[in-house]
Protein backbone atom coordinates (compact mmCIF):
# COMPACT_ATOMS: atom_id res chain seq x y z
CA MET A 1 -0.06 -0.06 0.01
CA ARG A 2 2.92 2.19 0.03
CA ASP A 3 2.44 3.16 -3.69
CA GLY A 4 -1.03 4.53 -2.91
CA ARG A 5 -3.07 1.73 -4.09
CA LEU A 6 -5.56 -0.19 -1.97
CA PRO A 7 -4.95 -3.86 -1.46
CA TRP A 8 -7.13 -6.11 -3.56
CA THR A 9 -8.65 -7.68 -0.44
CA VAL A 10 -10.07 -4.10 0.60
CA LEU A 11 -11.56 -3.68 -3.03
CA LEU A 12 -13.01 -7.19 -2.73
CA LEU A 13 -14.64 -6.42 0.52
CA ALA A 14 -15.93 -3.15 -0.63
CA THR A 15 -17.52 -4.87 -3.63
CA LEU A 16 -19.09 -7.63 -1.74
CA THR A 17 -20.41 -5.20 0.97
CA SER A 18 -22.11 -3.19 -1.82
CA CYS A 19 -23.55 -6.46 -3.66
CA GLY A 20 -24.66 -7.73 -0.12
CA LYS A 21 -26.45 -4.45 0.59
CA GLN A 22 -28.26 -4.52 -2.77
CA ALA A 23 -29.34 -8.24 -2.24
CA GLU A 24 -30.55 -7.29 1.27
CA GLU A 25 -32.73 -4.60 -0.15
CA VAL A 26 -34.10 -6.89 -2.87
CA SER A 27 -35.09 -9.55 -0.28
CA GLN A 28 -36.45 -6.97 2.05
CA VAL A 29 -38.71 -5.38 -0.71
CA HIS A 30 -40.05 -8.67 -1.45
CA THR A 31 -40.77 -9.65 2.08
CA ASN A 32 -42.53 -6.38 2.70
CA LEU A 33 -44.72 -6.71 -0.41
CA GLY A 34 -45.31 -10.34 0.07
CA TRP A 35 -46.64 -9.67 3.81
CA LEU A 36 -48.68 -6.80 2.44
CA GLY A 37 -50.10 -8.83 -0.38
CA ARG A 38 -51.27 -11.46 2.07
CA LYS A 39 -52.69 -8.96 4.59
CA TYR A 40 -54.50 -7.15 1.38
CA GLY A 41 -56.08 -10.65 0.86
CA MET A 42 -57.22 -11.00 4.55
CA TYR A 43 -58.55 -7.63 4.35
CA VAL A 44 -60.79 -8.67 1.36
CA GLY A 45 -61.71 -11.87 3.20
CA GLN A 46 -62.71 -10.04 6.51
CA ASN A 47 -64.52 -7.17 4.64
CA LYS A 48 -67.14 -9.12 2.35
CA GLY A 49 -65.11 -8.88 -0.77
CA GLN A 50 -64.34 -5.08 -0.50
CA THR A 51 -60.65 -4.07 -1.09
CA PRO A 52 -59.16 -1.33 1.04
CA LYS A 53 -60.06 2.21 -0.43
CA THR A 54 -56.71 3.72 0.51
CA VAL A 55 -53.30 2.66 1.59
CA ASP A 56 -54.22 4.11 5.10
CA ASP A 57 -57.09 1.53 5.35
CA LEU A 58 -54.62 -1.20 4.53
CA ARG A 59 -52.04 0.26 6.90
CA LYS A 60 -54.55 0.35 9.79
CA PHE A 61 -55.58 -3.34 9.08
CA VAL A 62 -51.90 -4.38 9.13
CA GLU A 63 -51.08 -2.51 12.37
CA LYS A 64 -54.12 -4.18 14.03
CA ASN A 65 -53.41 -7.54 12.70
CA THR A 66 -49.67 -7.92 12.95
CA LYS A 67 -47.90 -8.76 16.30
CA PRO A 68 -44.59 -7.15 17.37
CA GLU A 69 -42.92 -10.58 17.00
CA GLU A 70 -43.89 -10.73 13.42
CA LEU A 71 -42.68 -7.25 12.66
CA SER A 72 -39.39 -8.46 14.25
CA ARG A 73 -39.07 -11.54 12.03
CA LEU A 74 -39.97 -9.34 9.08
CA GLY A 75 -36.99 -7.17 9.90
CA VAL A 76 -38.82 -3.91 10.67
CA ALA A 77 -39.40 -1.91 13.83
CA ASP A 78 -43.09 -0.87 13.04
CA ALA A 79 -45.67 -1.71 10.42
CA GLY A 80 -45.32 1.74 8.78
CA GLN A 81 -41.79 0.51 7.54
CA LEU A 82 -43.49 -2.24 5.59
CA PHE A 83 -45.10 0.30 3.29
CA VAL A 84 -41.92 2.04 2.05
CA SER A 85 -39.59 0.36 -0.33
CA PRO A 86 -36.02 -0.02 1.00
CA ARG A 87 -34.77 0.42 -2.54
CA ASP A 88 -36.25 3.57 -3.78
CA ARG A 89 -37.27 4.70 -0.30
CA LYS A 90 -40.79 5.80 -1.47
CA PRO A 91 -44.09 4.57 -0.33
CA PHE A 92 -45.53 1.55 -2.17
CA ARG A 93 -48.59 2.28 -4.40
CA MET A 94 -51.63 0.49 -3.73
CA ILE A 95 -54.44 -0.41 -6.10
CA SER A 96 -57.98 -0.43 -4.88
CA TYR A 97 -60.51 -2.39 -7.00
CA ALA A 98 -64.30 -1.42 -6.99
CA LYS A 99 -64.62 -5.20 -7.67
CA LEU A 100 -61.72 -7.71 -7.72
CA PRO A 101 -61.35 -9.11 -11.29
CA PRO A 102 -62.09 -12.84 -11.37
CA PRO A 103 -59.38 -15.28 -11.56
CA VAL A 104 -58.09 -16.21 -15.10
CA MET A 105 -56.32 -19.63 -15.46
CA GLY A 106 -52.65 -19.10 -16.28
CA GLU A 107 -52.77 -15.47 -15.26
CA PRO A 108 -51.40 -14.03 -12.03
CA PRO A 109 -53.73 -12.87 -9.43
CA PRO A 110 -54.53 -9.20 -9.35
CA LEU A 111 -51.73 -6.83 -8.68
CA VAL A 112 -52.27 -4.98 -5.40
CA LEU A 113 -48.96 -3.05 -4.64
CA TYR A 114 -45.99 -1.92 -6.45
CA GLU A 115 -42.80 0.23 -6.23
CA GLU A 116 -43.29 3.93 -7.26
CA VAL A 117 -39.75 3.93 -8.82
CA GLY A 118 -38.04 0.68 -8.38
CA GLN A 119 -34.40 -0.03 -9.28
CA ALA A 120 -32.58 -0.65 -12.49
CA GLY A 121 -35.58 -0.20 -14.66
CA LYS A 122 -37.72 -2.76 -12.72
CA ARG A 123 -40.13 -2.42 -10.08
CA ALA A 124 -41.14 -5.03 -7.31
CA VAL A 125 -44.89 -5.84 -7.21
CA ALA A 126 -47.23 -7.68 -5.10
CA TYR A 127 -50.20 -9.87 -6.12
CA LEU A 128 -53.42 -10.48 -4.18
CA GLY A 129 -52.36 -13.31 -1.62
CA GLY A 130 -48.72 -12.50 -1.32
CA GLY A 131 -46.93 -13.52 -4.55
CA THR A 132 -44.29 -11.04 -5.68
CA ASP A 133 -42.19 -10.34 -8.77
CA GLU A 134 -39.87 -7.61 -10.49
CA LEU A 135 -41.55 -6.31 -13.68
CA GLU A 136 -39.98 -4.01 -16.23
CA GLU A 137 -42.16 -0.88 -16.84
CA ALA A 138 -43.89 -2.08 -20.01
CA THR A 139 -44.97 -5.35 -18.22
CA LEU A 140 -46.31 -3.53 -15.22
CA GLN A 141 -48.36 -1.16 -17.32
CA THR A 142 -50.12 -4.08 -18.86
CA LEU A 143 -51.12 -5.39 -15.42
CA LEU A 144 -52.27 -2.01 -13.99
CA PRO A 145 -56.09 -1.62 -14.17
CA ALA A 146 -57.31 1.04 -16.58
CA GLY A 147 -57.20 4.53 -15.07
CA LYS A 148 -54.13 3.43 -12.91
CA ARG A 149 -51.56 3.59 -15.63
């Protein structure tokens, strides 16, 4: 290191740390969205098929129906943290349906939440029931209901 260059081990460690943080953010965004997608489904089940009208309706439901130990396992301090993407640091957008679309064989369940900005041209999404995915903008736009695009 006398010539002013960093040893390769320091560079490797910095690279791995950076990659590890990105992988952790991806994992956390899918954990949060999956949990919220399941809670969205529970909300519908407990409210005679009605979807939450606003993200605040869903947040109140999640706060009421999530125990502190569950939040700890999810890696968040409070339910509000579940609603913010760890990648773009923006609140998730939620889709409220007047009536849930019927299931279609071979098609994913209805999209219920998605990242506002995402990362690297892709946005993480949650489907009703808790499935998650990362979609490119064009694909996301085809799944958004008319009027939400």
